[in-house]
């Protein structure tokens, strides 16, 4: 039955793998115009064991995917139930859950979002709407991007709606039709290399901003077949693994060198700075004592003490470095 207002909880896990996003939202429609208000929202970071599984699940066997789907459905259902209980949410029309995309091959009529098994309704304890992409792909669609209809009805004053996540996508009006398509990988690639540098992600783009554009590599990437295709079109992690990473592989050596420089350089630099500071302080105090006492041996003794302190600090630093 059509209503003028709806209370829903939306649940999303994107290919950026930064966590499970949950939002309690009130939708209203007045004179044909939709509006919304976000009442509660939260991102639940993935536990490390789930993060590691989801990163490599694109290579799982059929049997492994079945087991993963069952376990993730239970995990996601319990996470949603916890969010509802914590925020005392009871007056719901539905929980709308996307699940997490593992495989996306619309060219083969196939897409897989885990966490959408019927059991999820039992964990959540209310009406659940899910598995949004499958039917569209089976009918010849791309199944992605997922939100062009939402862009149209909620943000009609914008010429374009651009999303930057694991992939980038755009939606816009063209001759009365809503057009939407994926543009390129974003955080699926950026996070991969940020992880190798010891960061969860490139916060505020600081790492990227400090670099220089490799025009040769950019030209190679821009020549990928996907960018030459007309819309509709969409991307999955399979593309990143098979095409994007393969083209960037020539940069891996430089990335590895940067990892070594960043990790070891920080320790060496801190040691060097500390040694210089201790040496300056030691020289100043030792010289002052020697002048007051009239004995140069005082300065030597003091510098020996400072050297022992430096060695002790260096041992502690290297111990941390080699043991992680």
Protein backbone atom coordinates (compact mmCIF):
# COMPACT_ATOMS: atom_id res chain seq x y z
CA UNK A 1 0.00 0.00 0.00
CA UNK A 2 1.32 3.43 -0.93
CA UNK A 3 2.10 5.72 2.01
CA UNK A 4 3.17 9.33 2.47
CA UNK A 5 6.03 8.39 4.80
CA UNK A 6 8.34 5.46 5.37
CA UNK A 7 10.76 4.54 8.15
CA UNK A 8 13.57 2.34 6.90
CA UNK A 9 17.05 1.20 7.84
CA UNK A 10 19.47 1.06 4.92
CA UNK A 11 22.47 -1.24 5.08
CA UNK A 12 25.43 -1.14 2.71
CA UNK A 13 28.87 -2.70 2.45
CA UNK A 14 30.94 -1.30 -0.39
CA UNK A 15 33.99 -2.61 -2.21
CA UNK A 16 36.13 -0.11 -0.28
CA UNK A 17 35.72 -2.50 2.67
CA UNK A 18 35.72 0.30 5.24
CA UNK A 19 32.84 -1.35 7.09
CA UNK A 20 29.10 -1.90 7.21
CA UNK A 21 27.16 1.36 6.83
CA UNK A 22 23.78 1.54 8.59
CA UNK A 23 21.34 4.45 8.53
CA UNK A 24 17.88 4.91 10.04
CA UNK A 25 16.04 7.22 7.64
CA UNK A 26 12.61 8.84 7.43
CA UNK A 27 11.27 9.34 3.90
CA UNK A 28 8.27 11.55 3.15
CA UNK A 29 6.51 12.55 -0.04
CA UNK A 30 4.52 15.76 -0.36
CA UNK A 31 2.93 16.91 -3.63
CA UNK A 32 5.09 14.48 -5.55
CA UNK A 33 8.34 15.67 -3.99
CA UNK A 34 10.41 13.29 -1.89
CA UNK A 35 12.49 14.35 1.11
CA UNK A 36 14.47 12.48 3.74
CA UNK A 37 15.94 12.84 7.20
CA UNK A 38 18.75 10.71 8.62
CA UNK A 39 17.91 9.97 12.25
CA UNK A 40 20.77 7.61 13.18
CA UNK A 41 23.77 6.36 11.23
CA UNK A 42 26.89 4.39 11.95
CA UNK A 43 29.74 2.59 10.19
CA UNK A 44 30.76 -0.67 11.83
CA UNK A 45 34.39 -1.48 10.88
CA UNK A 46 35.04 -5.06 9.82
CA UNK A 47 36.87 -7.32 12.27
CA UNK A 48 40.26 -8.23 10.81
CA UNK A 49 39.22 -11.83 10.10
CA UNK A 50 36.26 -10.68 7.99
CA UNK A 51 38.33 -8.02 6.28
CA UNK A 52 40.91 -10.60 5.21
CA UNK A 53 38.23 -13.02 3.95
CA UNK A 54 36.39 -10.42 1.89
CA UNK A 55 39.62 -9.18 0.30
CA UNK A 56 40.36 -12.58 -1.23
CA UNK A 57 36.83 -13.97 -1.71
CA UNK A 58 36.86 -13.15 -5.44
CA UNK A 59 39.11 -16.22 -5.81
CA UNK A 60 36.99 -18.60 -3.68
CA UNK A 61 35.60 -21.87 -5.02
CA UNK A 62 31.85 -22.44 -5.31
CA UNK A 63 31.81 -24.41 -2.07
CA UNK A 64 33.80 -21.73 -0.24
CA UNK A 65 31.42 -19.03 -1.51
CA UNK A 66 28.38 -20.98 -0.25
CA UNK A 67 29.91 -21.25 3.22
CA UNK A 68 31.00 -17.59 3.14
CA UNK A 69 27.48 -16.50 2.17
CA UNK A 70 25.94 -18.43 5.05
CA UNK A 71 28.37 -17.08 7.61
CA UNK A 72 28.19 -13.51 6.31
CA UNK A 73 24.37 -13.57 6.33
CA UNK A 74 24.46 -14.49 10.02
CA UNK A 75 27.13 -11.87 10.76
CA UNK A 76 25.27 -9.14 8.86
CA UNK A 77 21.92 -10.06 10.42
CA UNK A 78 23.37 -9.89 13.93
CA UNK A 79 25.05 -6.54 13.13
CA UNK A 80 21.73 -5.08 11.94
CA UNK A 81 19.86 -6.44 14.97
CA UNK A 82 22.46 -4.87 17.27
CA UNK A 83 22.04 -1.49 15.52
CA UNK A 84 18.24 -1.65 15.92
CA UNK A 85 18.47 -2.57 19.60
CA UNK A 86 21.13 0.01 20.44
CA UNK A 87 19.10 2.83 18.89
CA UNK A 88 15.70 1.61 20.15
CA UNK A 89 14.38 1.37 16.59
CA UNK A 90 11.03 -0.41 16.43
CA UNK A 91 8.70 1.48 14.08
CA UNK A 92 10.09 0.18 10.80
CA UNK A 93 8.57 -0.43 7.39
CA UNK A 94 11.61 -2.40 6.27
CA UNK A 95 15.31 -3.03 6.51
CA UNK A 96 16.84 -2.54 3.06
CA UNK A 97 20.11 -4.47 2.88
CA UNK A 98 22.47 -4.59 -0.08
CA UNK A 99 24.87 -7.23 1.21
CA UNK A 100 28.46 -7.28 -0.04
CA UNK A 101 29.45 -7.76 -3.68
CA UNK A 102 31.93 -10.58 -4.25
CA UNK A 103 31.46 -11.27 -7.98
CA UNK A 104 30.02 -9.00 -10.64
CA UNK A 105 29.93 -10.27 -14.23
CA UNK A 106 26.88 -8.77 -15.96
CA UNK A 107 28.35 -9.71 -19.34
CA UNK A 108 27.80 -13.31 -18.22
CA UNK A 109 24.41 -12.62 -16.65
CA UNK A 110 25.78 -13.10 -13.15
CA UNK A 111 26.33 -11.09 -9.96
CA UNK A 112 26.76 -12.21 -6.35
CA UNK A 113 26.08 -10.17 -3.22
CA UNK A 114 26.56 -12.26 -0.08
CA UNK A 115 24.44 -11.66 3.02
CA UNK A 116 21.10 -11.86 1.21
CA UNK A 117 19.98 -15.36 2.19
CA UNK A 118 16.39 -15.67 3.53
CA UNK A 119 17.75 -16.37 7.02
CA UNK A 120 18.68 -12.70 7.40
CA UNK A 121 15.03 -11.86 8.16
CA UNK A 122 15.12 -14.29 11.08
CA UNK A 123 18.19 -12.57 12.56
CA UNK A 124 16.79 -9.07 12.03
CA UNK A 125 13.24 -9.87 13.16
CA UNK A 126 11.44 -7.61 10.69
CA UNK A 127 10.71 -7.22 6.96
CA UNK A 128 13.92 -7.26 4.90
CA UNK A 129 14.24 -6.08 1.31
CA UNK A 130 17.46 -7.25 -0.32
CA UNK A 131 19.21 -8.79 -3.34
CA UNK A 132 18.67 -5.66 -5.44
CA UNK A 133 20.94 -6.42 -8.37
CA UNK A 134 20.25 -10.02 -9.40
CA UNK A 135 16.98 -9.62 -11.31
CA UNK A 136 18.25 -6.65 -13.31
CA UNK A 137 21.32 -8.63 -14.41
CA UNK A 138 19.19 -11.66 -15.29
CA UNK A 139 17.05 -9.40 -17.50
CA UNK A 140 20.14 -8.14 -19.34
CA UNK A 141 20.90 -5.08 -17.24
CA UNK A 142 24.13 -4.14 -15.50
CA UNK A 143 22.78 -4.31 -11.94
CA UNK A 144 24.94 -1.25 -11.21
CA UNK A 145 25.21 1.52 -10.34
CA UNK A 146 22.54 0.83 -7.78
CA UNK A 147 21.19 4.28 -6.95
CA UNK A 148 20.26 6.27 -10.11
CA UNK A 149 16.54 6.21 -9.20
CA UNK A 150 17.42 7.54 -5.75
CA UNK A 151 19.55 10.26 -7.33
CA UNK A 152 16.66 11.25 -9.56
CA UNK A 153 13.95 11.54 -6.92
CA UNK A 154 16.03 12.86 -4.01
CA UNK A 155 18.44 15.20 -5.81
CA UNK A 156 16.52 16.46 -8.86
CA UNK A 157 18.22 19.89 -8.77
CA UNK A 158 21.65 18.45 -9.49
CA UNK A 159 22.83 18.06 -13.07
CA UNK A 160 25.06 15.11 -12.14
CA UNK A 161 25.43 12.83 -9.12
CA UNK A 162 28.98 11.51 -8.75
CA UNK A 163 29.88 8.73 -6.33
CA UNK A 164 33.46 7.92 -5.31
CA UNK A 165 33.77 4.58 -3.52
CA UNK A 166 35.42 1.31 -4.40
CA UNK A 167 34.51 2.42 -7.93
CA UNK A 168 33.36 5.76 -9.25
CA UNK A 169 30.01 6.11 -10.99
CA UNK A 170 27.80 8.89 -12.26
CA UNK A 171 24.10 9.42 -12.97
CA UNK A 172 22.37 12.20 -14.92
CA UNK A 173 19.31 12.99 -17.02
CA UNK A 174 19.55 12.57 -20.78
CA UNK A 175 16.48 13.19 -22.95
CA UNK A 176 14.16 12.30 -20.09
CA UNK A 177 16.00 9.12 -19.19
CA UNK A 178 18.21 8.56 -16.15
CA UNK A 179 21.62 7.42 -17.36
CA UNK A 180 24.07 5.80 -14.95
CA UNK A 181 27.31 3.88 -15.34
CA UNK A 182 30.57 3.04 -13.60
CA UNK A 183 33.53 5.22 -14.54
CA UNK A 184 36.66 3.66 -13.04
CA UNK A 185 38.18 1.92 -10.01
CA UNK A 186 38.93 4.28 -7.10
CA UNK A 187 39.44 2.95 -3.57
CA UNK A 188 39.77 -0.65 -4.74
CA UNK A 189 43.16 0.42 -6.12
CA UNK A 190 44.08 3.29 -3.78
CA UNK A 191 43.44 1.28 -0.62
CA UNK A 192 45.47 -1.64 -1.95
CA UNK A 193 48.62 0.47 -2.25
CA UNK A 194 47.91 2.50 0.90
CA UNK A 195 47.76 -0.83 2.77
CA UNK A 196 51.20 -1.74 1.44
CA UNK A 197 52.51 1.53 2.86
CA UNK A 198 51.08 0.67 6.27
CA UNK A 199 47.90 2.80 6.08
CA UNK A 200 44.26 1.71 6.08
CA UNK A 201 43.55 4.29 3.36
CA UNK A 202 44.96 7.50 1.89
CA UNK A 203 43.49 9.98 4.38
CA UNK A 204 42.41 13.18 2.59
CA UNK A 205 44.46 12.03 -0.43
CA UNK A 206 47.69 13.08 1.31
CA UNK A 207 49.83 10.32 -0.19
CA UNK A 208 48.48 10.84 -3.72
CA UNK A 209 48.85 14.60 -3.42
CA UNK A 210 52.53 14.25 -2.55
CA UNK A 211 53.31 12.25 -5.70
CA UNK A 212 53.69 13.02 -9.37
CA UNK A 213 51.54 11.81 -12.25
CA UNK A 214 53.13 8.97 -14.20
CA UNK A 215 51.91 10.06 -17.63
CA UNK A 216 53.09 6.87 -19.33
CA UNK A 217 51.18 4.66 -16.89
CA UNK A 218 48.14 6.96 -17.09
CA UNK A 219 48.09 6.53 -20.87
CA UNK A 220 48.29 2.74 -20.51
CA UNK A 221 45.40 2.72 -18.02
CA UNK A 222 43.28 5.07 -20.14
CA UNK A 223 43.69 2.66 -23.06
CA UNK A 224 41.92 -0.18 -21.19
CA UNK A 225 38.98 -1.59 -23.16
CA UNK A 226 36.39 -0.65 -20.54
CA UNK A 227 36.98 3.07 -21.03
CA UNK A 228 36.30 2.80 -24.74
CA UNK A 229 32.91 1.12 -24.28
CA UNK A 230 29.66 3.12 -24.39
CA UNK A 231 27.26 3.00 -21.44
CA UNK A 232 25.53 1.13 -19.92
CA UNK A 233 28.55 -0.50 -18.28
CA UNK A 234 29.69 -1.47 -14.80
CA UNK A 235 32.76 -2.80 -13.00
CA UNK A 236 33.56 -5.57 -10.54
CA UNK A 237 36.66 -6.46 -8.59
CA UNK A 238 37.44 -9.02 -11.26
CA UNK A 239 38.32 -6.13 -13.59
CA UNK A 240 40.63 -4.56 -11.02
CA UNK A 241 42.44 -7.83 -10.41
CA UNK A 242 42.75 -8.85 -14.06
CA UNK A 243 43.31 -5.48 -15.75
CA UNK A 244 44.12 -2.56 -13.47
CA UNK A 245 46.60 -4.35 -11.19
CA UNK A 246 48.21 -5.98 -14.20
CA UNK A 247 48.92 -2.59 -15.76
CA UNK A 248 50.20 -1.09 -12.52
CA UNK A 249 52.50 -4.04 -11.80
CA UNK A 250 55.49 -2.12 -13.20
CA UNK A 251 55.13 0.27 -10.27
CA UNK A 252 55.24 -2.47 -7.64
CA UNK A 253 59.03 -2.28 -7.35
CA UNK A 254 58.83 1.43 -6.61
CA UNK A 255 56.04 0.81 -4.10
CA UNK A 256 58.19 -1.81 -2.37
CA UNK A 257 61.12 0.59 -2.21
CA UNK A 258 58.84 3.25 -0.77
CA UNK A 259 57.59 0.81 1.87
CA UNK A 260 61.18 0.06 2.95
CA UNK A 261 62.10 3.75 2.93
CA UNK A 262 58.98 4.75 4.85
CA UNK A 263 59.31 2.05 7.48
CA UNK A 264 63.06 1.96 7.99
CA UNK A 265 63.55 5.64 7.27
CA UNK A 266 61.24 6.64 10.08
CA UNK A 267 63.25 4.64 12.60
CA UNK A 268 66.62 5.73 11.27
CA UNK A 269 65.54 9.35 11.16
CA UNK A 270 64.23 9.22 14.72
CA UNK A 271 67.50 7.69 15.88
CA UNK A 272 69.56 10.28 14.06
CA UNK A 273 67.52 13.15 15.49
CA UNK A 274 67.73 11.72 18.99
CA UNK A 275 71.47 11.18 18.72
CA UNK A 276 71.97 14.73 17.52
CA UNK A 277 69.84 16.14 20.33
CA UNK A 278 71.57 14.04 22.96
CA UNK A 279 74.98 14.95 21.56
CA UNK A 280 74.19 18.68 21.64
CA UNK A 281 72.80 18.47 25.16
CA UNK A 282 75.64 16.22 26.25
CA UNK A 283 78.29 18.47 24.78
CA UNK A 284 76.75 21.56 26.37
CA UNK A 285 76.25 20.06 29.83
CA UNK A 286 79.51 18.12 29.74
CA UNK A 287 81.48 21.17 28.71
CA UNK A 288 79.80 23.25 31.41
CA UNK A 289 80.63 20.66 34.05
CA UNK A 290 84.18 20.35 32.79
CA UNK A 291 84.68 24.09 32.99
CA UNK A 292 83.21 24.24 36.48
CA UNK A 293 85.18 21.25 37.74
CA UNK A 294 88.26 21.94 35.70
CA UNK A 295 88.27 18.31 34.66
CA UNK A 296 87.84 17.16 31.04
CA UNK A 297 87.11 13.60 32.19
CA UNK A 298 83.68 14.73 33.42
CA UNK A 299 82.60 15.48 29.85
CA UNK A 300 83.86 12.10 28.66
CA UNK A 301 81.93 10.28 31.40
CA UNK A 302 78.77 12.21 30.59
CA UNK A 303 79.05 11.41 26.88
CA UNK A 304 79.47 7.72 27.71
CA UNK A 305 76.22 7.85 29.69
CA UNK A 306 74.47 9.58 26.78
CA UNK A 307 75.82 6.94 24.35
CA UNK A 308 74.43 4.16 26.53
CA UNK A 309 71.04 5.89 26.50
CA UNK A 310 71.14 6.13 22.69
CA UNK A 311 72.06 2.45 22.34
CA UNK A 312 69.24 1.45 24.69
CA UNK A 313 66.75 3.54 22.70
CA UNK A 314 68.06 2.13 19.43
CA UNK A 315 67.70 -1.43 20.71
CA UNK A 316 64.07 -0.76 21.72
CA UNK A 317 63.27 0.82 18.34
CA UNK A 318 64.83 -2.00 16.33
CA UNK A 319 63.10 -4.58 18.51
CA UNK A 320 59.75 -2.97 17.69
CA UNK A 321 60.67 -2.80 14.01
CA UNK A 322 61.71 -6.45 13.61
CA UNK A 323 58.95 -7.91 15.75
CA UNK A 324 56.19 -5.66 14.33
